[in-house]
Structures are given as structure tokens and as C-alpha cells.
Protein backbone atom coordinates (compact mmCIF):
# COMPACT_ATOMS: atom_id res chain seq x y z
CA MET A 1 9.17 -11.72 -27.24
CA ALA A 2 8.29 -9.32 -29.98
CA ASP A 3 11.08 -7.05 -31.12
CA THR A 4 10.10 -3.54 -30.03
CA ALA A 5 13.36 -1.78 -30.90
CA GLY A 6 12.86 1.46 -32.71
CA ARG A 7 9.11 1.57 -32.13
CA LYS A 8 7.57 4.90 -31.22
CA ARG A 9 5.67 5.10 -27.96
CA ARG A 10 1.96 5.79 -27.94
CA SER A 11 1.05 9.33 -27.12
CA GLY A 12 0.08 9.69 -23.49
CA GLY A 13 1.00 11.16 -20.20
CA ARG A 14 1.80 10.36 -16.63
CA ALA A 15 0.08 11.48 -13.49
CA GLY A 16 -1.34 14.93 -13.92
CA ALA A 17 -1.38 14.66 -17.71
CA SER A 18 -5.06 15.60 -17.75
CA ALA A 19 -4.00 19.18 -17.03
CA ARG A 20 -2.36 19.31 -20.45
CA ARG A 21 -5.51 18.16 -22.26
CA GLY A 22 -7.45 21.36 -21.89
CA HIS A 23 -7.70 22.48 -18.27
CA GLU A 24 -6.07 21.80 -14.97
CA VAL A 25 -8.21 19.53 -12.82
CA ILE A 26 -6.18 20.13 -9.67
CA SER A 27 -2.81 21.59 -8.83
CA GLN A 28 -1.13 18.73 -6.99
CA MET A 29 2.29 18.16 -5.51
CA PRO A 30 4.80 16.54 -7.89
CA TRP A 31 5.75 12.88 -7.78
CA GLN A 32 8.18 12.36 -4.93
CA ILE A 33 9.25 9.67 -2.49
CA PRO A 34 8.60 10.96 1.04
CA VAL A 35 11.50 10.75 3.47
CA ASN A 36 10.42 10.36 7.09
CA VAL A 37 13.13 11.89 9.28
CA ASP A 38 11.06 11.90 12.46
CA ARG A 39 12.25 9.71 15.28
CA PRO A 40 9.66 6.92 15.53
CA THR A 41 7.23 6.73 18.41
CA GLU A 42 8.30 3.74 20.49
CA PRO A 43 5.85 2.89 23.28
CA LEU A 44 7.83 -0.21 24.28
CA PHE A 45 10.85 -0.01 26.55
CA GLU A 46 13.71 -2.38 25.73
CA GLU A 47 12.21 -4.88 28.17
CA GLY A 48 8.94 -4.75 26.21
CA VAL A 49 10.68 -5.42 22.90
CA GLN A 50 12.44 -8.40 24.42
CA ALA A 51 9.21 -9.65 25.98
CA ILE A 52 7.32 -9.58 22.67
CA HIS A 53 10.27 -11.22 20.91
CA GLU A 54 10.38 -13.92 23.57
CA GLY A 55 6.63 -14.42 23.25
CA ALA A 56 6.88 -14.78 19.47
CA MET A 57 9.76 -17.25 19.78
CA ARG A 58 7.89 -19.35 22.33
CA ILE A 59 4.83 -19.41 20.08
CA LEU A 60 7.00 -20.74 17.26
CA GLU A 61 8.90 -23.22 19.45
CA GLU A 62 6.18 -24.53 21.75
CA ILE A 63 2.82 -23.99 20.04
CA GLY A 64 3.74 -24.00 16.37
CA VAL A 65 2.09 -22.79 13.18
CA VAL A 66 0.00 -24.84 10.77
CA PHE A 67 1.08 -24.80 7.11
CA LEU A 68 -1.49 -26.27 4.73
CA ASN A 69 1.05 -26.40 1.91
CA PRO A 70 2.77 -29.79 1.37
CA GLU A 71 5.77 -28.23 -0.37
CA ALA A 72 6.33 -25.91 2.58
CA LEU A 73 6.13 -28.86 4.98
CA ASP A 74 8.75 -30.75 2.95
CA LEU A 75 11.01 -27.70 2.97
CA PHE A 76 10.66 -27.30 6.73
CA LYS A 77 11.57 -30.97 7.20
CA LYS A 78 14.70 -30.51 5.10
CA ALA A 79 15.58 -27.46 7.17
CA GLY A 80 15.38 -29.53 10.38
CA CYS A 81 12.16 -28.05 11.76
CA ARG A 82 9.79 -30.28 13.73
CA VAL A 83 6.89 -31.18 11.46
CA GLU A 84 3.95 -32.96 13.08
CA GLY A 85 1.35 -33.50 10.37
CA ASP A 86 0.71 -29.97 9.11
CA LEU A 87 1.92 -28.34 12.36
CA VAL A 88 5.43 -26.95 12.32
CA LYS A 89 7.51 -26.01 15.37
CA PHE A 90 10.66 -23.97 14.90
CA ASP A 91 13.99 -23.47 16.58
CA ARG A 92 14.40 -19.78 17.31
CA HIS A 93 18.03 -19.80 16.20
CA TRP A 94 17.01 -21.10 12.77
CA ILE A 95 14.29 -18.45 12.52
CA MET A 96 16.73 -15.67 13.35
CA GLU A 97 19.37 -17.09 11.01
CA MET A 98 16.88 -17.04 8.13
CA ILE A 99 15.50 -13.59 8.96
CA ALA A 100 19.04 -12.20 8.90
CA LYS A 101 19.24 -13.12 5.20
CA ALA A 102 16.41 -10.73 4.25
CA PRO A 103 17.55 -7.31 3.01
CA ALA A 104 16.77 -4.26 5.14
CA THR A 105 16.24 -2.20 1.98
CA PHE A 106 15.46 -2.95 -1.66
CA SER A 107 13.81 -1.35 -4.68
CA ILE A 108 10.84 -2.25 -6.88
CA THR A 109 11.20 -1.17 -10.52
CA PRO A 110 7.91 -0.96 -12.48
CA ARG A 111 7.58 -0.59 -16.24
CA ASN A 112 8.25 3.14 -15.90
CA PRO A 113 11.75 3.39 -14.39
CA ASP A 114 10.98 6.94 -13.25
CA ARG A 115 8.60 5.32 -10.75
CA VAL A 116 11.18 3.11 -9.04
CA LEU A 117 10.32 2.61 -5.36
CA PRO A 118 12.95 2.42 -2.60
CA VAL A 119 11.57 0.19 0.16
CA GLY A 120 13.07 0.57 3.63
CA GLY A 121 15.36 3.11 5.22
CA ASP A 122 13.59 6.43 5.79
CA HIS A 123 11.33 6.11 2.76
CA MET A 124 7.55 6.01 3.02
CA LEU A 125 5.30 4.80 0.21
CA PHE A 126 1.53 5.01 -0.19
CA GLY A 127 -0.71 2.62 -2.14
CA ASN A 128 -4.34 2.59 -3.20
CA VAL A 129 -7.24 0.75 -1.60
CA SER A 130 -7.19 -2.96 -2.47
CA SER A 131 -9.70 -5.79 -2.57
CA PRO A 132 -13.08 -4.44 -1.37
CA PRO A 133 -15.93 -6.39 -3.00
CA ASN A 134 -18.23 -3.37 -2.99
CA TYR A 135 -18.27 0.20 -4.29
CA TRP A 136 -19.98 3.43 -3.16
CA ASP A 137 -20.09 6.86 -4.70
CA MET A 138 -22.34 9.88 -4.25
CA GLU A 139 -24.05 9.43 -7.59
CA LEU A 140 -25.17 5.90 -6.70
CA GLY A 141 -25.81 6.75 -3.06
CA ARG A 142 -25.67 3.11 -2.03
CA LYS A 143 -23.31 0.15 -1.75
CA VAL A 144 -23.15 -2.03 -4.87
CA PRO A 145 -20.92 -4.92 -6.03
CA GLY A 146 -17.85 -3.76 -7.90
CA ASN A 147 -17.45 -4.06 -11.67
CA ARG A 148 -14.69 -3.56 -14.22
CA GLU A 149 -15.57 0.06 -15.00
CA MET A 150 -15.49 0.99 -11.31
CA CYS A 151 -12.19 -0.82 -10.91
CA ALA A 152 -10.72 0.96 -13.95
CA ASN A 153 -11.85 4.36 -12.67
CA LEU A 154 -10.13 3.76 -9.34
CA LEU A 155 -7.01 2.67 -11.24
CA LYS A 156 -7.16 5.99 -13.09
CA LEU A 157 -7.18 7.80 -9.75
CA THR A 158 -4.23 5.62 -8.70
CA GLN A 159 -2.29 6.80 -11.72
CA TYR A 160 -3.43 10.40 -11.57
CA PHE A 161 -2.47 11.20 -7.99
CA ASN A 162 1.26 11.68 -7.48
CA CYS A 163 0.94 10.91 -3.77
CA ILE A 164 -0.01 7.30 -4.64
CA HIS A 165 3.21 5.39 -5.25
CA PHE A 166 2.10 1.83 -5.94
CA ALA A 167 -0.95 0.00 -7.26
CA GLY A 168 -2.10 -2.63 -4.80
CA GLY A 169 -4.60 -5.37 -5.52
CA TYR A 170 -7.85 -4.69 -7.33
CA PRO A 171 -9.07 -1.33 -5.98
CA VAL A 172 -12.52 -2.87 -6.10
CA GLU A 173 -13.30 -6.48 -6.98
CA PRO A 174 -14.88 -6.56 -10.48
CA VAL A 175 -17.39 -9.31 -9.84
CA ASP A 176 -18.85 -8.93 -13.34
CA ILE A 177 -15.74 -10.74 -14.63
CA HIS A 178 -15.60 -14.49 -14.01
CA ALA A 179 -13.06 -15.38 -11.34
CA SER A 180 -11.16 -17.67 -13.72
CA VAL A 181 -10.12 -14.77 -15.96
CA ARG A 182 -10.62 -11.76 -13.69
CA HIS A 183 -6.90 -11.42 -13.00
CA LEU A 184 -6.13 -11.28 -16.73
CA ASP A 185 -8.53 -8.42 -17.47
CA VAL A 186 -7.75 -6.40 -14.35
CA VAL A 187 -3.97 -6.75 -14.64
CA TYR A 188 -4.22 -5.75 -18.31
CA ASP A 189 -6.15 -2.65 -17.20
CA LYS A 190 -3.68 -2.01 -14.43
CA LEU A 191 -0.64 -2.26 -16.68
CA THR A 192 -2.13 -0.06 -19.40
CA LEU A 193 -3.85 2.54 -17.18
CA THR A 194 -0.94 2.89 -14.74
CA ASP A 195 2.83 2.76 -14.86
CA LYS A 196 3.35 2.33 -11.12
CA ALA A 197 4.65 -0.69 -9.20
CA MET A 198 2.00 -3.36 -8.96
CA HIS A 199 0.86 -6.42 -7.11
CA ALA A 200 -0.09 -10.04 -7.78
CA TYR A 201 -2.57 -11.97 -5.67
CA SER A 202 -1.09 -15.20 -4.38
CA LEU A 203 -4.23 -17.19 -5.12
CA GLY A 204 -3.03 -20.24 -6.96
CA LYS A 205 -0.32 -21.10 -9.42
CA GLU A 206 -2.01 -19.74 -12.54
CA ARG A 207 -2.79 -16.28 -11.21
CA VAL A 208 0.70 -15.64 -9.89
CA GLU A 209 2.45 -17.03 -12.96
CA ASP A 210 0.17 -15.10 -15.31
CA VAL A 211 0.71 -11.80 -13.52
CA MET A 212 4.48 -12.23 -13.39
CA GLU A 213 4.48 -12.92 -17.12
CA MET A 214 2.30 -9.88 -17.84
CA VAL A 215 4.58 -7.62 -15.79
CA ARG A 216 7.57 -9.02 -17.66
CA ILE A 217 5.91 -8.34 -21.01
CA ALA A 218 4.81 -4.83 -20.00
CA GLY A 219 8.37 -3.98 -19.01
CA GLY A 220 9.80 -5.30 -22.28
CA MET A 221 12.08 -7.62 -20.29
CA THR A 222 13.70 -10.94 -20.89
CA GLU A 223 13.21 -13.57 -18.20
CA GLU A 224 16.74 -12.93 -16.96
CA GLU A 225 16.05 -9.19 -16.68
CA PHE A 226 12.81 -9.87 -14.85
CA GLN A 227 14.49 -12.11 -12.30
CA SER A 228 17.46 -9.79 -11.78
CA LYS A 229 15.57 -7.52 -9.36
CA PRO A 230 12.06 -6.95 -8.02
CA HIS A 231 9.59 -5.52 -10.52
CA MET A 232 6.43 -6.32 -8.54
CA TYR A 233 5.31 -7.69 -5.20
CA THR A 234 2.70 -9.83 -3.51
CA ASN A 235 1.03 -9.49 -0.13
CA ILE A 236 -0.31 -12.42 1.86
CA ASN A 237 -2.27 -12.73 5.07
CA SER A 238 -1.93 -15.59 7.50
CA THR A 239 -5.14 -17.30 8.58
CA SER A 240 -5.03 -16.17 12.16
CA PRO A 241 -4.63 -17.68 14.60
CA LEU A 242 -1.39 -19.42 13.65
CA LYS A 243 -2.09 -20.82 10.21
CA HIS A 244 -0.88 -20.31 6.64
CA ASP A 245 -3.00 -21.62 3.77
CA PHE A 246 -1.96 -23.41 0.61
CA PRO A 247 -2.37 -20.86 -2.23
CA MET A 248 -0.74 -17.89 -0.54
CA ILE A 249 2.39 -19.80 0.44
CA ASP A 250 2.47 -21.39 -3.02
CA GLY A 251 2.32 -17.98 -4.69
CA CYS A 252 5.05 -16.56 -2.47
CA LEU A 253 7.36 -19.49 -3.18
CA ARG A 254 6.90 -18.86 -6.89
CA MET A 255 7.57 -15.14 -6.45
CA ALA A 256 10.66 -15.79 -4.32
CA ARG A 257 12.14 -18.14 -6.90
CA ARG A 258 11.83 -15.42 -9.53
CA GLY A 259 13.30 -12.67 -7.38
CA GLN A 260 10.14 -10.68 -6.65
CA ALA A 261 9.13 -8.98 -3.39
CA ILE A 262 6.87 -10.43 -0.70
CA VAL A 263 4.86 -8.75 2.06
CA VAL A 264 3.59 -10.94 4.91
CA SER A 265 0.73 -9.30 6.84
CA PRO A 266 -1.11 -11.32 9.49
CA PHE A 267 -4.68 -10.12 10.03
CA THR A 268 -4.86 -10.28 13.81
CA LEU A 269 -7.94 -8.73 15.39
CA ALA A 270 -7.44 -8.53 19.13
CA GLY A 271 -10.27 -10.19 21.00
CA ALA A 272 -11.24 -12.42 18.06
CA MET A 273 -8.32 -13.84 16.08
CA ALA A 274 -5.64 -12.89 18.61
CA PRO A 275 -5.42 -12.20 22.36
CA VAL A 276 -7.45 -9.26 23.60
CA THR A 277 -4.25 -7.56 24.81
CA MET A 278 -2.28 -5.66 22.19
CA ALA A 279 1.07 -7.11 23.32
CA GLY A 280 -0.32 -10.61 22.85
CA ALA A 281 -1.83 -9.75 19.49
CA VAL A 282 1.45 -8.22 18.28
CA ALA A 283 3.48 -11.21 19.53
CA GLN A 284 1.18 -13.59 17.64
CA SER A 285 1.35 -11.42 14.51
CA ILE A 286 5.15 -11.35 14.67
CA ALA A 287 5.30 -15.14 15.00
CA GLU A 288 2.99 -15.67 12.03
CA SER A 289 5.08 -13.29 9.90
CA LEU A 290 8.54 -14.52 10.83
CA CYS A 291 7.97 -18.21 10.13
CA ALA A 292 6.75 -17.45 6.59
CA ILE A 293 9.58 -15.00 5.89
CA ALA A 294 12.05 -17.58 7.21
CA LEU A 295 10.67 -20.12 4.73
CA PHE A 296 11.14 -17.74 1.80
CA GLN A 297 14.70 -16.96 2.90
CA TYR A 298 15.46 -20.68 3.14
CA VAL A 299 14.23 -21.22 -0.42
CA ALA A 300 15.80 -18.07 -1.92
CA PRO A 301 18.19 -16.27 0.44
CA GLY A 302 17.97 -12.52 0.04
CA THR A 303 14.35 -12.51 -1.13
CA PRO A 304 13.01 -8.98 -0.50
CA CYS A 305 10.48 -9.34 2.32
CA VAL A 306 8.38 -6.87 4.28
CA ILE A 307 6.81 -7.58 7.65
CA GLY A 308 3.25 -6.34 7.70
CA THR A 309 0.90 -5.39 10.51
CA PHE A 310 -2.85 -5.52 10.37
CA THR A 311 -3.41 -5.73 14.10
CA SER A 312 -6.48 -3.95 15.38
CA ASN A 313 -9.33 -4.75 17.70
CA VAL A 314 -12.97 -5.73 17.45
CA ASP A 315 -15.99 -4.01 18.89
CA MET A 316 -16.59 -6.32 21.85
CA LYS A 317 -20.31 -5.46 21.75
CA THR A 318 -20.81 -6.67 18.18
CA GLY A 319 -17.64 -8.49 17.08
CA ALA A 320 -17.23 -6.06 14.16
CA PRO A 321 -13.67 -4.98 13.26
CA ALA A 322 -12.62 -1.52 14.41
CA PHE A 323 -9.88 0.53 12.77
CA GLY A 324 -8.10 3.78 13.48
CA THR A 325 -8.57 3.18 17.19
CA PRO A 326 -6.06 4.05 19.93
CA GLU A 327 -5.27 0.33 20.13
CA TYR A 328 -4.70 0.16 16.38
CA MET A 329 -2.33 3.11 16.58
CA ARG A 330 -0.32 1.62 19.43
CA SER A 331 -0.11 -1.83 17.85
CA THR A 332 1.23 -0.22 14.66
CA GLN A 333 3.87 1.65 16.64
CA MET A 334 4.77 -1.50 18.58
CA THR A 335 5.13 -3.50 15.37
CA GLY A 336 7.40 -0.77 14.00
CA GLN A 337 9.70 -1.31 16.96
CA MET A 338 9.72 -5.04 16.32
CA ALA A 339 10.38 -4.60 12.58
CA ARG A 340 13.45 -2.51 13.43
CA PHE A 341 14.51 -5.17 15.95
CA TYR A 342 14.45 -7.79 13.15
CA GLY A 343 15.93 -5.48 10.50
CA LEU A 344 12.94 -5.77 8.17
CA PRO A 345 10.98 -3.14 6.24
CA MET A 346 7.42 -2.67 7.47
CA ARG A 347 3.95 -2.38 5.96
CA SER A 348 0.87 -0.90 7.67
CA SER A 349 -2.45 0.47 6.41
CA GLY A 350 -4.71 3.52 6.13
CA VAL A 351 -8.02 2.13 7.34
CA CYS A 352 -11.35 2.95 8.96
CA ALA A 353 -14.62 1.28 9.94
CA ALA A 354 -16.87 4.08 8.64
CA ASN A 355 -19.46 3.23 5.98
CA VAL A 356 -19.43 6.51 4.01
CA PRO A 357 -16.84 9.29 3.51
CA ASP A 358 -17.85 11.27 6.58
CA GLY A 359 -16.09 12.69 9.64
CA GLN A 360 -15.65 9.28 11.23
CA ALA A 361 -14.03 7.99 8.04
CA MET A 362 -11.50 10.80 8.05
CA TRP A 363 -10.54 10.81 11.73
CA GLU A 364 -10.13 7.03 11.78
CA THR A 365 -8.11 7.05 8.56
CA SER A 366 -6.01 9.99 9.73
CA ASN A 367 -5.32 8.15 12.98
CA SER A 368 -4.13 5.10 11.07
CA LEU A 369 -2.06 7.13 8.58
CA TRP A 370 -0.34 9.14 11.30
CA ALA A 371 0.31 5.92 13.22
CA SER A 372 2.08 4.73 10.05
CA VAL A 373 4.23 7.87 10.11
CA GLN A 374 4.98 7.46 13.81
CA SER A 375 5.84 3.76 13.48
CA GLY A 376 8.40 4.21 10.70
CA THR A 377 6.26 2.31 8.19
CA HIS A 378 7.74 1.93 4.71
CA MET A 379 4.69 0.74 2.71
CA VAL A 380 1.20 1.99 3.57
CA TYR A 381 -1.53 -0.16 2.03
CA HIS A 382 -5.09 1.09 1.52
CA ALA A 383 -3.88 4.67 1.93
CA ALA A 384 -6.70 6.05 -0.23
CA GLY A 385 -10.27 4.90 -0.79
CA TRP A 386 -11.05 2.43 2.02
CA LEU A 387 -14.44 2.24 3.82
CA GLU A 388 -16.45 -0.25 5.96
CA GLY A 389 -13.45 -2.14 7.25
CA GLY A 390 -12.31 -2.95 3.73
CA LEU A 391 -15.68 -3.95 2.28
CA ILE A 392 -16.25 -0.74 0.29
CA ALA A 393 -14.08 1.31 -2.08
CA SER A 394 -15.12 4.90 -2.72
CA PRO A 395 -13.71 7.44 -5.19
CA GLU A 396 -14.76 10.34 -2.96
CA LYS A 397 -12.94 8.80 -0.01
CA PHE A 398 -9.94 8.16 -2.31
CA ILE A 399 -9.70 11.85 -3.16
CA MET A 400 -10.29 12.98 0.43
CA ASP A 401 -7.52 10.64 1.58
CA CYS A 402 -5.15 12.02 -1.06
CA GLU A 403 -5.57 15.45 0.51
CA VAL A 404 -4.35 13.95 3.80
CA LEU A 405 -1.49 12.13 2.05
CA GLN A 406 -0.32 15.34 0.42
CA GLN A 407 -0.35 17.05 3.81
CA ILE A 408 1.77 14.23 5.24
CA GLN A 409 4.20 14.60 2.34
CA ARG A 410 4.36 18.35 2.88
CA TYR A 411 4.94 17.79 6.60
CA MET A 412 7.99 15.70 5.70
CA GLN A 413 9.61 18.31 3.44
CA PRO A 414 12.74 19.71 5.15
CA GLU A 415 12.14 23.32 4.11
CA ILE A 416 9.41 23.55 6.74
CA TRP A 417 11.88 23.17 9.59
CA ALA A 418 14.91 24.76 7.93
CA SER A 419 16.56 27.16 10.40
CA GLY A 420 19.18 29.14 8.49
CA PRO A 421 19.46 32.96 8.53
CA ASP A 422 16.88 33.31 5.73
CA GLU A 423 14.40 31.28 7.73
CA ILE A 424 15.03 32.97 11.08
CA ALA A 425 14.50 36.27 9.18
CA LEU A 426 15.89 38.65 11.81
CA ASP A 427 16.18 41.52 9.34
CA THR A 428 12.52 41.21 8.42
CA ILE A 429 11.47 40.99 12.06
CA ALA A 430 13.47 44.17 12.73
CA GLU A 431 11.90 45.84 9.68
CA VAL A 432 8.36 45.20 10.95
CA GLY A 433 9.31 45.91 14.53
CA ASN A 434 6.60 46.19 17.17
CA GLU A 435 3.87 47.36 14.83
CA GLY A 436 2.76 46.62 11.32
CA HIS A 437 2.52 43.26 9.60
CA PHE A 438 4.54 40.89 7.44
CA PHE A 439 2.23 40.68 4.40
CA GLY A 440 4.03 43.37 2.46
CA THR A 441 7.65 42.62 3.35
CA GLN A 442 10.00 41.49 0.60
CA HIS A 443 10.74 38.36 2.63
CA THR A 444 7.05 37.39 2.43
CA GLN A 445 6.65 38.50 -1.19
CA ASP A 446 9.55 36.30 -2.25
CA ARG A 447 8.04 33.22 -0.62
CA TYR A 448 4.27 33.56 -0.37
CA THR A 449 3.40 31.26 -3.27
CA THR A 450 5.32 28.28 -1.83
CA ALA A 451 5.51 29.06 1.89
CA PHE A 452 2.56 26.92 2.96
CA TYR A 453 0.69 23.84 1.85
CA GLN A 454 -2.02 24.63 -0.67
CA PRO A 455 -4.97 22.21 -0.58
CA PHE A 456 -6.77 20.97 -3.67
CA LEU A 457 -9.89 19.82 -1.80
CA SER A 458 -10.13 21.67 1.51
CA ASP A 459 -12.21 24.86 1.49
CA TRP A 460 -10.61 27.67 3.51
CA LYS A 461 -13.26 30.31 2.85
CA ASN A 462 -15.26 31.66 5.78
CA TYR A 463 -18.84 30.52 6.26
CA GLU A 464 -20.34 33.35 4.22
CA GLY A 465 -17.94 32.76 1.35
CA TRP A 466 -18.54 29.02 1.46
CA GLU A 467 -22.31 29.57 1.52
CA ALA A 468 -22.15 32.02 -1.37
CA ALA A 469 -20.18 29.47 -3.39
CA GLY A 470 -22.97 26.92 -3.04
CA ALA A 471 -22.37 25.47 0.45
CA VAL A 472 -20.72 22.37 -1.02
CA TRP A 473 -19.62 19.79 1.56
CA THR A 474 -16.29 18.01 1.21
CA PRO A 475 -17.51 14.64 -0.18
CA GLU A 476 -19.49 16.49 -2.86
CA ARG A 477 -16.42 18.51 -3.87
CA ALA A 478 -14.49 15.24 -4.04
CA HIS A 479 -17.21 13.72 -6.24
CA HIS A 480 -16.98 16.60 -8.72
CA LEU A 481 -13.19 16.23 -8.84
CA PHE A 482 -13.56 12.49 -9.42
CA LYS A 483 -15.80 13.08 -12.42
CA ASP A 484 -13.48 15.74 -13.81
CA ILE A 485 -10.34 13.62 -13.40
CA ILE A 486 -11.93 10.60 -15.09
CA ALA A 487 -13.29 12.73 -17.95
CA ASN A 488 -9.82 14.17 -18.62
CA PHE A 489 -7.71 11.10 -17.85
CA GLU A 490 -4.94 10.17 -20.24
CA ALA A 491 -3.23 6.80 -19.85
CA PRO A 492 0.57 6.61 -19.58
CA PRO A 493 2.45 5.71 -22.75
CA MET A 494 3.04 2.12 -23.82
CA GLU A 495 4.64 0.86 -27.01
CA ASP A 496 2.21 -0.58 -29.53
CA ALA A 497 4.08 -3.88 -29.77
CA ILE A 498 4.05 -4.35 -26.00
CA ARG A 499 0.35 -3.54 -25.74
CA ASP A 500 -0.37 -6.03 -28.52
CA GLU A 501 1.74 -8.70 -26.84
CA LEU A 502 -0.11 -8.16 -23.58
CA ALA A 503 -3.47 -8.42 -25.33
CA ASP A 504 -2.38 -11.59 -27.13
CA PHE A 505 -1.25 -13.15 -23.84
CA VAL A 506 -4.61 -12.34 -22.22
CA ALA A 507 -6.52 -13.78 -25.16
CA ARG A 508 -4.45 -16.98 -25.16
CA ARG A 509 -4.80 -17.54 -21.43
CA LYS A 510 -8.54 -16.94 -21.64
CA SER A 511 -8.81 -19.53 -24.41
CA GLU A 512 -6.97 -21.94 -22.11
CA GLY A 513 -9.48 -21.35 -19.34
CA GLY A 514 -7.51 -18.99 -17.13
CA ALA A 515 -7.25 -20.10 -13.50
CA PRO A 516 -9.28 -22.96 -12.01
CA THR A 517 -12.08 -21.99 -9.62
CA ASP A 518 -14.26 -23.80 -7.14
CA PHE A 519 -17.41 -23.18 -9.14
């Protein structure tokens, strides 16, 4: 590695730095890790928890899960599991023994140590939208394939907003970059435009190894330092029902052996890829998660693992996925109960089926986000920017979602429910008595600027005031903010030598052909 000792950092700023470049785009809440002290909503009685656990264990023991990865099959054989071709059946005691090795809490340390993320416990983390192939904004007014500029702009929003804690996969797929080298360009953009914890797609050896190396370089770490603790994570989906593919398991095995974090999130749509009943869908999802996590613990005991839920339902009239539904909310809460039963951190999502950033988009996303709060979720994927069941990323929706995320963070701040003498305010109540008002009291004057949540996007004027100001609807206000934030964005600092080393690595890997593709 290049010697970077004594080098000055590039000028730059962190989230909110645009405000220092001339004018304040928005006044947002500071960077913070939300602490969820609410008791989780638990729809299952103890008998229900045991029933879903028993169902998951019987799936693993009697039905089995297909693994299309030869290395995984060899490892299962060595562990004493029953391997019949590519079908694996598991002893429940072995599964539980392996799961017990996974830590209940861990941290992810990105290149900026001020952005370290505690995963588990009472902490709740929000990430950006990840992986839609298409993009929509109000200027275009239509759905179009994503490109690198669109992806970079969404990464800038990811960095700018303090309520976004980690950078997931590509916030929109830049299909203008060939798939063989796409990961190199986008991860370079991600590491230079953001300083938040980031993700690698487990899509083949080259992509995972390249991204781990780029994260190591960006952090100025030796290989030993990189492997000493998690600096990044991957997320995989099973191929429901009851199947794990080759590249995702391969990528996770590589991540586990280098000490990085893994999220396993089955994509179980009740009525299509899982039973139509939510208990059955959750039991199947749990089974698909646990067998993969058990494998990673067998290979590298103590590997940080998160159990993910992506259990929702389909529209039985069309077969289309539905999100933010009552069933989605309950399945998220149920999975939270099961994650606590197994002692694992949990991931859920902020999702909707709406096609544009309208009322449906916001009530479905709010339902899914509040279900995450209620379930005790630790990592919330797709918390900002998701549309059309994950097929569209939108900057307006991203900004609208960040307003909701800030409100959730404010809701979690303990000063709201503090109940000491200053908060009960008996002297002030006596001062006002049975007439008058509290606007002018010293108690109010001392607190009025911080007493309540102040929105950056919501418009609290009455109709006449709103009309006089131009009658601007919420998505349009979000669009103007998007343009302003991008125009004033300043990337976080990075040492010149590290940036050069990253660029050299990208150039070398491109000259070598990048990652193989099927076309």
C-alpha cells in the first residue's frame, strides 16, 4: 500500500457540508444513531413462537434446502448434515449450536470512524434504496433505465442526509456501465462520494473480492486491520422456496473468512413463493435464513450475521407484489419475535408498491417503516427512495422518506417523554391558571426553538398561505430540494494518495476484464 503518513486530507465536508458553501439547503437533524426504547409489538404468544420455530426446524429436517454451491455441500457433509445431491437436510441441534455462535451485537466501521454503526441491541439504522433498475424524477416525468449520473446523485443524497446511516447496494442500477466493470465504477463513486458503511453484492468471486479490496484501500488499512473487525457487509436473498444459489453463498463465504458482516434476507411473498398464510411464510423464511447463517458460523464462528425479513404478500388478483400491507406489517413484527428468540440482529425494509411519490407511496412506506420500529429491527434497508416494488428509485421519494425518518428519530429522543419537574411544569401551569395562554411564559420562551420537531419538507401553512406561496405540492418541493442539494454537494474528505490508489486499482481491474458475465 502507498504510504499516506503525513499527507493532508482533501478539502471537503460531511453530511450537511453544502450549508457551508454559500447557503443552507435544509436545516436537518444531526448525525445520530437512533435508540429504540419502545417495547416491541409481539403478535405471537409463546405458543406461536414455538410453533413457528418447530415449523422451521421441521422444514430443515424433513424437507430440506437446496444449495447450488458445491463448496457449501462439501462443508455440510463435513459437518454431518444429510446431503442428497444438492438437497441438504439438517439436524435441529446442529442448527441451533451454530446459530448460538453468532454475536447478538457487533459494529461496522467505515472509512470515517465517526460513522461507526452499532448493529443490534436497541439501535436502529436506516439505509438508502438499493438495486432498482429504473429511475424516475419529476423533471423526466417517466420511468427510465438508471445510469451512472443518476446513481451518483442518489449517493450524494445518501451522504447528505444524516438520517441515512449506511449505503446499501447501487441506489439505482447504472445500466450504461458494462456489467463486468460496473461494480468498480460504482464502488469508486460510493467510496469517494460517501464515507458511510457500505455493501458488496455477492455476485461472484471477482465482485466480492474487488469490493473488499477497495474498502480496505479506502480505509487505509492493512489486510490484518481489515480482517480484525467488520468494515462492510453483504446482503443475500435465498431463491424462495427453499433454495440458495451459487454466487451469493460463494460471496458470503468469502466475506465470512475475512471477518465481514452478512445479512441473510429470504424474499418470501406469501401466496407465490411461500404459503399464503403469514405464519407459514415466516416459518419458511426463518428456515431459509438459519441454514445459511449456520453454514457461515461453521466456517468462521462468530461471523457477524443479521437475519433479514422480506416477507410480504402478492395481489391475488394479479400476482404483483404488495408492500406496506397489514400482512407485511405483521410478518415483520413476527420475524422480530423470532430474531429475538434466536438472539440475532434483524433487518427489515421501507417499501411500497406505488409507482410515483404520491399518497399511496407514503402510507405504504410509513406502514413498513413503523412496522420496523415496532418489530425491533436493527437495520432498515430501502428506507429512502423506493418505488414500484423495488423497480424504481426516485430522488423525490428519497427526500420525502427522509422527512419520515427524521420524525421517527425525533420520536425516539428521550426528551419528548421526560417527566421531571421542569417537564411537568406545575409552576407555569399555576402562572397561566384558568385563563390566558402559554405562548408568552418564560417556560415556553426558554424552549420554543427546540420543543417540537421542525420539518424540512412538510408545509404547515394554512391553505391560503400555501396557495399564496405558489400552491406547491410535496413531490415538487422535494424535487426543488433535490436539485439544490446536488448543486451544492461537497464530497467528504479523502487523502490524495488513497484516492489515487483506488483509481489505480479500478484501472488495473478494468484492464484485466473485471468480472465475468454471461454475455
